[in-house]
């Protein structure tokens, strides 16, 4: 399963990006401050998931794990990033 996620990393990264944009336009079309705030937070966590899927650095904020770090910790950090992405995605402001 993890191998399939890595194989389709670019597609899944595009899905995360597209879902963020569509969600923000649909929910905050006229309120640009909320739109950009939510979009940036979603993309902040999405880039950590994308970094994991592509085999690169998984980073949230100033910290993170490089590509040579323990795979279990990298998976855990990417899972937390995906969970936080989903929370912000479904959070109603």
Protein backbone atom coordinates (compact mmCIF):
# COMPACT_ATOMS: atom_id res chain seq x y z
CA UNK A 1 0.00 0.00 0.00
CA UNK A 2 2.76 2.46 0.91
CA UNK A 3 4.51 1.60 -2.36
CA UNK A 4 1.37 2.56 -4.29
CA UNK A 5 1.22 5.87 -2.43
CA UNK A 6 4.82 6.59 -3.36
CA UNK A 7 4.21 5.57 -6.98
CA UNK A 8 1.30 8.00 -7.36
CA UNK A 9 2.81 10.77 -5.23
CA UNK A 10 2.51 13.46 -7.90
CA UNK A 11 -1.13 12.62 -8.54
CA UNK A 12 -1.96 12.61 -4.83
CA UNK A 13 -0.12 15.91 -4.38
CA UNK A 14 -2.20 17.37 -7.20
CA UNK A 15 -5.37 16.05 -5.57
CA UNK A 16 -4.44 17.71 -2.25
CA UNK A 17 -3.71 21.00 -4.01
CA UNK A 18 -6.87 20.88 -6.13
CA UNK A 19 -9.05 19.93 -3.16
CA UNK A 20 -7.65 22.85 -1.16
CA UNK A 21 -8.31 25.35 -3.93
CA UNK A 22 -11.82 24.10 -4.68
CA UNK A 23 -12.73 23.98 -1.00
CA UNK A 24 -11.48 27.51 -0.34
CA UNK A 25 -13.22 28.97 -3.40
CA UNK A 26 -16.46 27.21 -2.49
CA UNK A 27 -16.43 28.21 1.18
CA UNK A 28 -14.70 31.60 1.17
CA UNK A 29 -15.29 33.04 -2.30
CA UNK A 30 -15.75 36.61 -1.13
CA UNK A 31 -13.86 36.66 2.18
CA UNK A 32 -10.29 36.84 0.94
CA UNK A 33 -8.65 37.02 4.36
CA UNK A 34 -10.16 33.68 5.41
CA UNK A 35 -9.59 32.28 1.93
CA UNK A 36 -5.84 32.86 1.94
CA UNK A 37 -5.43 31.92 5.61
CA UNK A 38 -7.12 28.56 5.23
CA UNK A 39 -5.44 27.91 1.87
CA UNK A 40 -1.97 28.58 3.27
CA UNK A 41 -2.56 26.36 6.31
CA UNK A 42 -3.84 23.53 4.12
CA UNK A 43 -0.91 23.85 1.73
CA UNK A 44 1.51 23.96 4.66
CA UNK A 45 0.39 20.50 5.77
CA UNK A 46 -0.09 19.23 2.22
CA UNK A 47 3.55 19.95 1.36
CA UNK A 48 4.64 17.75 4.27
CA UNK A 49 2.51 14.89 2.96
CA UNK A 50 3.77 15.48 -0.58
CA UNK A 51 7.38 15.50 0.66
CA UNK A 52 6.79 12.12 2.27
CA UNK A 53 5.14 10.69 -0.83
CA UNK A 54 8.02 11.82 -3.04
CA UNK A 55 10.67 10.46 -0.66
CA UNK A 56 12.02 13.87 0.32
CA UNK A 57 12.06 15.89 3.51
CA UNK A 58 8.90 15.84 5.63
CA UNK A 59 8.71 19.23 7.31
CA UNK A 60 6.11 21.06 9.30
CA UNK A 61 7.25 24.54 10.16
CA UNK A 62 10.89 24.92 11.12
CA UNK A 63 11.33 21.24 12.03
CA UNK A 64 11.06 18.04 10.11
CA UNK A 65 12.70 14.80 9.13
CA UNK A 66 15.08 14.33 6.25
CA UNK A 67 14.90 11.58 3.69
CA UNK A 68 17.47 9.52 5.61
CA UNK A 69 15.53 9.59 8.90
CA UNK A 70 13.80 6.59 10.44
CA UNK A 71 10.96 5.53 8.09
CA UNK A 72 8.56 4.93 10.97
CA UNK A 73 9.03 8.48 12.26
CA UNK A 74 8.67 9.91 8.74
CA UNK A 75 5.42 7.99 8.30
CA UNK A 76 4.15 9.18 11.67
CA UNK A 77 4.96 12.83 10.87
CA UNK A 78 3.31 12.58 7.44
CA UNK A 79 0.25 10.98 9.06
CA UNK A 80 -0.02 13.82 11.56
CA UNK A 81 0.30 16.32 8.70
CA UNK A 82 -2.47 14.54 6.77
CA UNK A 83 -4.68 14.50 9.87
CA UNK A 84 -4.15 18.23 10.43
CA UNK A 85 -4.82 18.88 6.73
CA UNK A 86 -8.13 17.01 7.02
CA UNK A 87 -9.09 18.88 10.20
CA UNK A 88 -8.50 22.25 8.56
CA UNK A 89 -10.22 21.02 5.38
CA UNK A 90 -13.42 20.14 7.23
CA UNK A 91 -13.25 22.88 9.85
CA UNK A 92 -16.04 25.39 9.41
CA UNK A 93 -15.03 28.98 10.07
